[in-house]
């Protein structure tokens, strides 16, 4: 008799009991000491190999062959490409094997959301399949390159992505894709697609609609605006941040209003009209990112040796997430960061000052200590840029230029709406 394999229906005989179910693959982290069985109830159990007398094959699993019906193309509808890069929204569960797959085709997306057929002709591609916490500057470069390669063949692009570092990737795409004349909409989901409360369906539907018809040229996110399924927010890729670990409306605009609402009925209502419209100009791809850049949180009692560590490791640039208006320890001899800032300045290594407050802007001249950071230490105050955005931008700038003065000038120029010099009261905590 053939040896049972994963997915087969089996009987597991132990010293004191028999179990019936589907033999499951063992998670690598659990080692090989247990057999995993999916019971008829749907629950998985682990059975110690020491207790197992035999595993009897009842029925071998048969590979599922899905007949895919080619999608009909409607000439009057716009075409949208869905680029899957990984994350919860790009995964589907095989309830028989318990396995998770991120290998979505255009047919899969339309099967999951038949409403897409009325919005756009959908294509799909999977250039990457990672958890977003594993993303690196190399992945940002790859995603931007795929977008640049495909943008002229479609009316808009949707990028599905994990939530944890979504705002890093949207910032990276915003800087790398210069003169973008069509919508590139990143979307994600906080809750897996098999849960009744999943936000994946509405997020994807709204994102495809925005990519298909919104008069916008640039990078934005499209995710739930509230905990209900009433509308999604389009937020500029350099002004968005994940502000909650698990809420469906975790992504919020910081230091500006969202660009628009995408309502459940398909309408798009503009909130903030200050964005580039669609155009036919040629895109310029600048997707080089310097990998040796650090983002450091400033805190009370901080050891200045942390900065020394990065300097000794050959770091090409440092972003400090400072307190308040951009404050760093400067007066306490034991914890002052001024000597490290001066050392970096002499080496031509830019040190960018942002605020961990997130809302509001840093300022180099309001207090004496701020003046010392800027004038003595050479700290470059990054206006209202979010720390993560400044980190991505510095990596991008250093991928384009190495001269200190050029880097400083580029960091203080708003390339993709990352700097907003005017803030309104109703932009706070929206």
Protein backbone atom coordinates (compact mmCIF):
# COMPACT_ATOMS: atom_id res chain seq x y z
CA UNK A 1 0.00 0.00 0.00
CA UNK A 2 1.22 3.47 -0.85
CA UNK A 3 2.65 5.65 1.90
CA UNK A 4 0.07 8.29 2.96
CA UNK A 5 0.95 11.81 1.94
CA UNK A 6 -0.33 15.25 2.87
CA UNK A 7 -3.95 15.75 1.79
CA UNK A 8 -4.82 12.05 1.98
CA UNK A 9 -7.73 10.76 4.07
CA UNK A 10 -6.23 8.48 6.70
CA UNK A 11 -6.83 6.51 9.89
CA UNK A 12 -4.27 7.15 12.61
CA UNK A 13 -4.03 4.26 15.06
CA UNK A 14 -2.53 5.01 18.47
CA UNK A 15 -2.07 2.83 21.54
CA UNK A 16 -5.49 3.76 22.88
CA UNK A 17 -7.54 5.38 20.10
CA UNK A 18 -8.17 5.69 16.37
CA UNK A 19 -8.49 9.04 14.59
CA UNK A 20 -9.92 9.73 11.14
CA UNK A 21 -9.12 12.82 9.10
CA UNK A 22 -6.88 14.43 6.52
CA UNK A 23 -3.11 14.26 6.96
CA UNK A 24 -1.78 17.81 7.06
CA UNK A 25 1.69 19.27 6.46
CA UNK A 26 3.57 20.08 9.67
CA UNK A 27 4.52 23.71 10.27
CA UNK A 28 8.32 23.88 10.18
CA UNK A 29 8.47 25.56 13.57
CA UNK A 30 6.78 22.56 15.23
CA UNK A 31 9.47 20.10 14.14
CA UNK A 32 8.79 16.53 13.11
CA UNK A 33 7.72 15.02 16.42
CA UNK A 34 3.99 15.15 15.68
CA UNK A 35 1.60 14.22 12.90
CA UNK A 36 -1.05 16.86 12.13
CA UNK A 37 -4.56 15.67 11.35
CA UNK A 38 -7.58 17.71 10.21
CA UNK A 39 -10.67 16.11 11.76
CA UNK A 40 -14.11 16.05 10.18
CA UNK A 41 -15.07 18.82 12.60
CA UNK A 42 -12.58 21.09 10.87
CA UNK A 43 -10.22 21.26 13.84
CA UNK A 44 -6.57 20.29 13.56
CA UNK A 45 -4.91 18.09 16.17
CA UNK A 46 -1.32 17.04 16.74
CA UNK A 47 -0.52 13.43 17.63
CA UNK A 48 2.85 12.50 19.02
CA UNK A 49 4.72 10.13 16.71
CA UNK A 50 5.69 8.09 19.78
CA UNK A 51 2.02 7.20 20.31
CA UNK A 52 1.26 6.30 16.69
CA UNK A 53 1.20 2.61 15.85
CA UNK A 54 0.32 3.09 12.18
CA UNK A 55 -1.21 5.48 9.67
CA UNK A 56 -3.57 3.72 7.27
CA UNK A 57 -4.43 5.25 3.90
CA UNK A 58 -8.19 5.42 3.35
CA UNK A 59 -8.35 7.52 0.24
CA UNK A 60 -5.59 9.27 -1.69
CA UNK A 61 -6.14 12.94 -2.38
CA UNK A 62 -6.83 13.90 -5.96
CA UNK A 63 -5.40 17.10 -7.38
CA UNK A 64 -8.15 19.56 -7.99
CA UNK A 65 -8.45 20.57 -11.60
CA UNK A 66 -10.29 23.81 -12.02
CA UNK A 67 -11.56 24.59 -15.45
CA UNK A 68 -10.98 28.26 -15.94
CA UNK A 69 -13.35 30.02 -18.25
CA UNK A 70 -11.53 32.77 -20.14
CA UNK A 71 -12.69 36.20 -19.11
CA UNK A 72 -14.64 38.03 -21.73
CA UNK A 73 -13.13 41.37 -22.62
CA UNK A 74 -15.46 44.34 -22.94
CA UNK A 75 -13.95 47.01 -25.24
CA UNK A 76 -15.88 49.85 -23.58
CA UNK A 77 -14.55 49.08 -20.09
CA UNK A 78 -11.18 50.29 -18.79
CA UNK A 79 -8.45 47.75 -18.09
CA UNK A 80 -6.93 47.36 -14.63
CA UNK A 81 -3.91 45.27 -13.69
CA UNK A 82 -3.84 43.75 -10.19
CA UNK A 83 -0.27 43.21 -9.00
CA UNK A 84 -0.17 40.78 -6.08
CA UNK A 85 2.83 41.17 -3.80
CA UNK A 86 1.67 39.10 -0.83
CA UNK A 87 -0.08 39.73 2.45
CA UNK A 88 -3.46 38.66 3.77
CA UNK A 89 -5.43 40.09 0.84
CA UNK A 90 -3.45 38.04 -1.69
CA UNK A 91 -3.97 34.71 0.05
CA UNK A 92 -6.68 32.12 -0.29
CA UNK A 93 -7.27 29.01 1.82
CA UNK A 94 -7.81 25.49 0.56
CA UNK A 95 -10.16 24.21 3.23
CA UNK A 96 -9.45 20.59 2.37
CA UNK A 97 -5.68 20.76 2.83
CA UNK A 98 -5.60 23.81 5.08
CA UNK A 99 -2.91 25.30 2.87
CA UNK A 100 -2.66 28.96 1.93
CA UNK A 101 -1.98 30.08 -1.62
CA UNK A 102 -1.19 33.50 -2.97
CA UNK A 103 -1.26 32.47 -6.60
CA UNK A 104 -4.27 34.48 -7.74
CA UNK A 105 -5.14 34.80 -11.41
CA UNK A 106 -7.46 37.36 -12.96
CA UNK A 107 -10.14 34.65 -13.09
CA UNK A 108 -9.71 34.07 -9.34
CA UNK A 109 -10.24 37.72 -8.54
CA UNK A 110 -13.36 37.89 -10.70
CA UNK A 111 -14.69 34.66 -9.20
CA UNK A 112 -14.18 36.10 -5.75
CA UNK A 113 -15.71 39.45 -6.72
CA UNK A 114 -18.03 39.09 -9.75
CA UNK A 115 -18.82 42.81 -9.46
CA UNK A 116 -15.38 43.51 -10.96
CA UNK A 117 -16.68 42.46 -14.38
CA UNK A 118 -18.91 45.51 -14.48
CA UNK A 119 -16.06 47.89 -13.55
CA UNK A 120 -13.05 46.86 -15.59
CA UNK A 121 -11.33 44.24 -17.67
CA UNK A 122 -9.06 42.71 -15.05
CA UNK A 123 -5.58 41.32 -15.57
CA UNK A 124 -3.42 39.88 -12.79
CA UNK A 125 0.26 39.34 -12.13
CA UNK A 126 2.27 38.19 -9.12
CA UNK A 127 5.79 39.67 -9.15
CA UNK A 128 6.30 39.02 -5.43
CA UNK A 129 4.82 36.94 -2.62
CA UNK A 130 6.07 37.98 0.82
CA UNK A 131 4.80 39.07 4.18
CA UNK A 132 5.17 42.84 4.21
CA UNK A 133 7.32 42.85 7.36
CA UNK A 134 9.92 40.99 5.27
CA UNK A 135 9.95 43.67 2.55
CA UNK A 136 13.23 45.41 1.74
CA UNK A 137 14.37 48.28 -0.51
CA UNK A 138 15.05 45.67 -3.20
CA UNK A 139 11.37 44.76 -3.13
CA UNK A 140 10.35 48.43 -3.40
CA UNK A 141 12.54 48.66 -6.49
CA UNK A 142 11.01 45.52 -7.99
CA UNK A 143 7.43 46.68 -7.41
CA UNK A 144 8.14 50.10 -8.95
CA UNK A 145 9.81 48.43 -11.92
CA UNK A 146 6.79 46.18 -12.53
CA UNK A 147 4.44 49.17 -12.36
CA UNK A 148 6.57 51.14 -14.82
CA UNK A 149 6.68 48.18 -17.20
CA UNK A 150 2.90 47.75 -17.25
CA UNK A 151 1.47 51.24 -16.76
CA UNK A 152 1.21 52.10 -20.46
CA UNK A 153 -0.81 48.94 -21.19
CA UNK A 154 -3.65 49.62 -18.75
CA UNK A 155 -5.85 52.41 -17.42
CA UNK A 156 -4.73 51.91 -13.83
CA UNK A 157 -2.95 49.50 -11.51
CA UNK A 158 -3.96 48.00 -8.16
CA UNK A 159 -1.20 46.65 -5.93
CA UNK A 160 -2.26 44.17 -3.23
CA UNK A 161 0.11 44.27 -0.27
CA UNK A 162 0.44 43.38 3.39
CA UNK A 163 -0.70 46.05 5.84
CA UNK A 164 2.28 46.28 8.21
CA UNK A 165 4.68 48.11 5.89
CA UNK A 166 2.21 49.26 3.26
CA UNK A 167 3.02 52.93 3.93
CA UNK A 168 6.73 52.31 3.32
CA UNK A 169 6.00 50.75 -0.08
CA UNK A 170 3.56 53.46 -1.13
CA UNK A 171 6.14 56.11 -0.27
CA UNK A 172 8.79 54.22 -2.23
CA UNK A 173 6.55 53.92 -5.30
CA UNK A 174 5.62 57.61 -5.00
CA UNK A 175 9.29 58.63 -5.26
CA UNK A 176 10.39 56.01 -7.79
CA UNK A 177 7.60 56.64 -10.34
CA UNK A 178 8.19 60.17 -11.59
CA UNK A 179 5.56 61.93 -13.73
CA UNK A 180 3.04 59.15 -13.13
CA UNK A 181 -0.02 59.87 -15.25
CA UNK A 182 -2.40 57.13 -14.09
CA UNK A 183 -3.68 55.84 -10.74
CA UNK A 184 -1.56 53.30 -8.89
CA UNK A 185 -3.71 52.20 -5.96
CA UNK A 186 -2.31 50.09 -3.13
CA UNK A 187 -4.79 48.07 -1.10
CA UNK A 188 -4.67 45.46 1.63
CA UNK A 189 -6.79 43.77 4.27
CA UNK A 190 -6.55 43.65 8.03
CA UNK A 191 -8.61 40.47 8.29
CA UNK A 192 -8.16 37.29 6.32
CA UNK A 193 -10.38 36.61 3.37
CA UNK A 194 -12.04 33.57 5.02
CA UNK A 195 -13.49 35.65 7.87
CA UNK A 196 -16.99 37.07 7.65
CA UNK A 197 -15.66 40.44 8.84
CA UNK A 198 -12.92 40.57 6.20
CA UNK A 199 -12.30 43.98 4.69
CA UNK A 200 -10.60 42.46 1.64
CA UNK A 201 -13.61 42.41 -0.69
CA UNK A 202 -14.66 46.04 -0.32
CA UNK A 203 -11.08 47.29 -0.29
CA UNK A 204 -10.29 45.49 -3.54
CA UNK A 205 -13.56 46.51 -5.20
CA UNK A 206 -13.05 50.18 -4.33
CA UNK A 207 -9.38 50.07 -5.34
CA UNK A 208 -10.19 48.62 -8.77
CA UNK A 209 -12.89 51.24 -9.27
CA UNK A 210 -10.46 54.05 -8.38
CA UNK A 211 -7.76 52.63 -10.67
CA UNK A 212 -10.28 52.31 -13.50
CA UNK A 213 -11.97 55.72 -13.46
CA UNK A 214 -10.54 58.18 -10.93
CA UNK A 215 -9.00 61.24 -12.58
CA UNK A 216 -5.73 60.93 -10.71
CA UNK A 217 -2.10 60.45 -11.63
CA UNK A 218 -0.08 59.19 -8.69
CA UNK A 219 0.17 56.66 -5.88
CA UNK A 220 -2.54 56.29 -3.24
CA UNK A 221 -3.96 53.75 -0.82
CA UNK A 222 -7.57 52.58 -0.81
CA UNK A 223 -8.81 51.00 2.42
CA UNK A 224 -11.76 51.12 4.80
CA UNK A 225 -12.57 54.58 6.16
CA UNK A 226 -14.69 53.30 9.04
CA UNK A 227 -15.33 49.98 10.74
CA UNK A 228 -18.47 49.63 8.60
CA UNK A 229 -18.66 48.74 4.92
CA UNK A 230 -19.80 52.20 3.83
CA UNK A 231 -16.81 53.68 1.99
CA UNK A 232 -13.06 53.59 1.51
CA UNK A 233 -10.58 56.45 1.62
CA UNK A 234 -8.06 57.28 -1.07
CA UNK A 235 -4.99 58.63 0.73
CA UNK A 236 -1.82 60.00 -0.85
CA UNK A 237 1.00 57.44 -0.74
CA UNK A 238 3.35 59.74 1.19
CA UNK A 239 0.75 60.93 3.71
CA UNK A 240 -0.71 57.65 4.91
CA UNK A 241 0.12 55.61 8.00
CA UNK A 242 -1.15 52.49 9.73
CA UNK A 243 -2.50 53.77 13.05
CA UNK A 244 -4.02 50.65 14.60
CA UNK A 245 -2.91 47.04 14.82
CA UNK A 246 -6.20 45.41 13.87
CA UNK A 247 -9.05 47.84 13.09
CA UNK A 248 -10.38 47.76 9.54
CA UNK A 249 -10.03 51.56 9.37
CA UNK A 250 -6.42 51.48 10.55
CA UNK A 251 -4.98 53.63 7.76
CA UNK A 252 -5.34 57.38 8.21
CA UNK A 253 -4.14 60.48 6.39
CA UNK A 254 -1.53 62.44 8.36
CA UNK A 255 -1.03 66.20 7.96
CA UNK A 256 -3.49 66.47 5.09
CA UNK A 257 -6.99 65.34 4.20
CA UNK A 258 -7.69 62.17 2.28
CA UNK A 259 -7.93 62.72 -1.47
CA UNK A 260 -11.36 61.17 -1.95
CA UNK A 261 -14.04 58.77 -0.76
CA UNK A 262 -14.88 55.68 -2.79
CA UNK A 263 -18.42 54.81 -1.77
CA UNK A 264 -19.96 51.34 -1.71
CA UNK A 265 -22.32 52.36 -4.54
CA UNK A 266 -19.34 53.15 -6.78
CA UNK A 267 -19.37 56.93 -6.61
CA UNK A 268 -16.12 58.78 -5.92
CA UNK A 269 -16.33 62.02 -3.94
CA UNK A 270 -13.28 64.28 -3.97
CA UNK A 271 -12.28 65.63 -0.55
CA UNK A 272 -8.88 67.17 -1.24
CA UNK A 273 -8.48 68.37 -4.84
CA UNK A 274 -4.74 69.06 -4.53
CA UNK A 275 -3.37 66.21 -6.61
CA UNK A 276 -2.14 65.57 -10.14
CA UNK A 277 -4.73 64.53 -12.71
CA UNK A 278 -4.39 61.84 -15.36
CA UNK A 279 -2.10 62.74 -18.26
CA UNK A 280 -0.32 61.11 -21.19
CA UNK A 281 3.22 62.18 -20.30
CA UNK A 282 5.99 59.58 -20.22
CA UNK A 283 6.80 58.07 -16.84
CA UNK A 284 10.38 58.22 -15.54
CA UNK A 285 11.50 55.29 -13.40
CA UNK A 286 14.01 56.10 -10.66
CA UNK A 287 13.93 53.00 -8.51
CA UNK A 288 17.40 52.90 -6.95
CA UNK A 289 17.36 52.82 -3.14
CA UNK A 290 20.35 52.96 -0.81
CA UNK A 291 20.11 50.04 1.61
CA UNK A 292 22.38 51.43 4.32
CA UNK A 293 19.95 53.92 5.87
CA UNK A 294 18.75 53.83 9.48
CA UNK A 295 15.59 55.00 11.25
CA UNK A 296 16.23 55.60 14.96
CA UNK A 297 13.71 56.44 17.68
CA UNK A 298 14.98 59.11 20.10
CA UNK A 299 14.03 58.46 23.73
CA UNK A 300 14.94 59.57 27.26
CA UNK A 301 18.23 58.11 28.45
CA UNK A 302 19.27 57.20 24.93
CA UNK A 303 22.79 55.84 24.51
CA UNK A 304 24.64 57.99 21.93
CA UNK A 305 26.54 54.83 21.05
CA UNK A 306 23.50 53.78 19.02
CA UNK A 307 24.37 56.50 16.50
CA UNK A 308 28.07 55.54 16.66
CA UNK A 309 27.08 51.98 15.80
CA UNK A 310 25.41 53.05 12.56
CA UNK A 311 28.29 55.35 11.64
CA UNK A 312 30.82 52.58 12.24
CA UNK A 313 28.73 50.16 10.15
CA UNK A 314 29.03 52.43 7.14
CA UNK A 315 25.51 53.83 7.24
CA UNK A 316 25.01 56.38 4.45
CA UNK A 317 22.19 58.31 6.14
CA UNK A 318 20.22 58.41 9.38
CA UNK A 319 16.66 59.51 10.12
CA UNK A 320 15.95 60.42 13.74
CA UNK A 321 12.37 60.20 15.00
CA UNK A 322 12.82 62.99 17.53
CA UNK A 323 10.50 64.34 20.21
CA UNK A 324 8.17 67.31 19.77
CA UNK A 325 9.43 69.92 17.32
CA UNK A 326 12.57 67.88 16.64
CA UNK A 327 14.24 67.81 20.03
CA UNK A 328 17.21 65.58 20.84
CA UNK A 329 19.24 65.27 24.05
CA UNK A 330 21.89 67.98 23.79
CA UNK A 331 22.63 69.28 27.33
CA UNK A 332 23.16 66.06 29.29
CA UNK A 333 26.80 65.08 28.72
CA UNK A 334 26.09 61.39 29.11
CA UNK A 335 23.22 61.33 26.63
CA UNK A 336 23.87 64.27 24.29
CA UNK A 337 23.69 63.33 20.62
CA UNK A 338 25.47 66.49 19.45
CA UNK A 339 28.93 64.87 19.22
CA UNK A 340 27.48 62.11 17.03
CA UNK A 341 25.67 64.62 14.81
CA UNK A 342 28.89 66.60 14.37
CA UNK A 343 30.76 63.40 13.54
CA UNK A 344 28.17 62.47 10.91
CA UNK A 345 28.24 65.98 9.45
CA UNK A 346 32.04 65.88 9.08
CA UNK A 347 31.73 62.56 7.25
CA UNK A 348 29.11 64.00 4.91
CA UNK A 349 26.43 61.67 6.28
CA UNK A 350 23.01 63.36 6.36
CA UNK A 351 21.02 63.17 9.61
CA UNK A 352 17.33 63.91 9.03
CA UNK A 353 15.16 65.18 11.88
CA UNK A 354 11.48 64.16 12.03
CA UNK A 355 8.95 64.05 14.85
CA UNK A 356 7.50 61.01 16.56
CA UNK A 357 4.41 63.15 17.18
CA UNK A 358 3.54 62.41 13.52
CA UNK A 359 1.14 65.37 13.30
CA UNK A 360 2.67 68.80 12.78
CA UNK A 361 6.11 69.83 11.57
CA UNK A 362 9.59 69.99 13.05
CA UNK A 363 11.25 73.41 13.33
CA UNK A 364 14.96 74.24 13.70
CA UNK A 365 14.68 77.64 15.37
CA UNK A 366 11.86 77.75 17.94
CA UNK A 367 14.03 76.77 20.93
CA UNK A 368 17.74 77.06 21.71
CA UNK A 369 18.19 73.29 21.73
CA UNK A 370 16.65 73.03 18.27
CA UNK A 371 19.05 75.68 16.98
CA UNK A 372 21.94 73.67 18.41
CA UNK A 373 20.73 70.54 16.61
CA UNK A 374 20.49 72.37 13.29
CA UNK A 375 23.37 74.83 13.51
CA UNK A 376 25.94 72.93 15.57
CA UNK A 377 24.96 69.39 14.69
CA UNK A 378 23.94 69.92 11.07
CA UNK A 379 20.60 68.16 11.51
CA UNK A 380 18.31 68.53 8.48
CA UNK A 381 14.77 69.29 9.65
CA UNK A 382 12.27 67.48 7.41
CA UNK A 383 9.22 69.75 7.81
CA UNK A 384 6.10 67.56 8.31
CA UNK A 385 7.41 64.38 6.73
CA UNK A 386 6.47 61.23 8.59
CA UNK A 387 9.51 59.39 10.00
CA UNK A 388 8.90 56.34 7.80
CA UNK A 389 8.44 58.50 4.72
CA UNK A 390 11.65 60.41 5.47
CA UNK A 391 13.43 57.06 5.88
CA UNK A 392 12.20 55.84 2.49
CA UNK A 393 12.90 59.19 0.85
CA UNK A 394 16.45 59.34 2.19
CA UNK A 395 17.08 55.82 0.85
CA UNK A 396 15.68 56.97 -2.51
CA UNK A 397 17.60 60.27 -2.58
CA UNK A 398 20.86 58.49 -1.77
CA UNK A 399 20.08 56.12 -4.63
CA UNK A 400 20.10 59.14 -6.96
CA UNK A 401 22.85 61.33 -5.46
CA UNK A 402 25.67 61.17 -2.91
CA UNK A 403 26.83 64.78 -2.67
CA UNK A 404 25.78 66.09 0.78
CA UNK A 405 24.40 69.43 -0.42
CA UNK A 406 22.47 67.77 -3.23
CA UNK A 407 21.02 65.24 -0.81
CA UNK A 408 20.03 68.03 1.60
CA UNK A 409 18.37 70.03 -1.19
CA UNK A 410 16.45 67.01 -2.48
CA UNK A 411 15.28 66.04 1.01
CA UNK A 412 13.76 69.49 1.49
CA UNK A 413 11.99 69.52 -1.90
CA UNK A 414 8.50 68.04 -2.04
CA UNK A 415 8.76 65.35 -4.69
CA UNK A 416 5.46 63.48 -4.21
CA UNK A 417 3.38 65.56 -1.82
CA UNK A 418 5.37 64.38 1.22
CA UNK A 419 5.88 67.95 2.49
CA UNK A 420 2.89 70.10 3.33
CA UNK A 421 3.72 73.55 4.67
CA UNK A 422 0.13 74.50 5.48
CA UNK A 423 -1.94 72.53 7.98
CA UNK A 424 -5.64 72.91 8.68
CA UNK A 425 -7.38 72.19 11.97
CA UNK A 426 -9.67 69.54 10.47
CA UNK A 427 -6.70 67.49 9.25
CA UNK A 428 -5.82 66.44 12.80
CA UNK A 429 -6.97 62.96 13.88
CA UNK A 430 -9.25 62.47 10.87
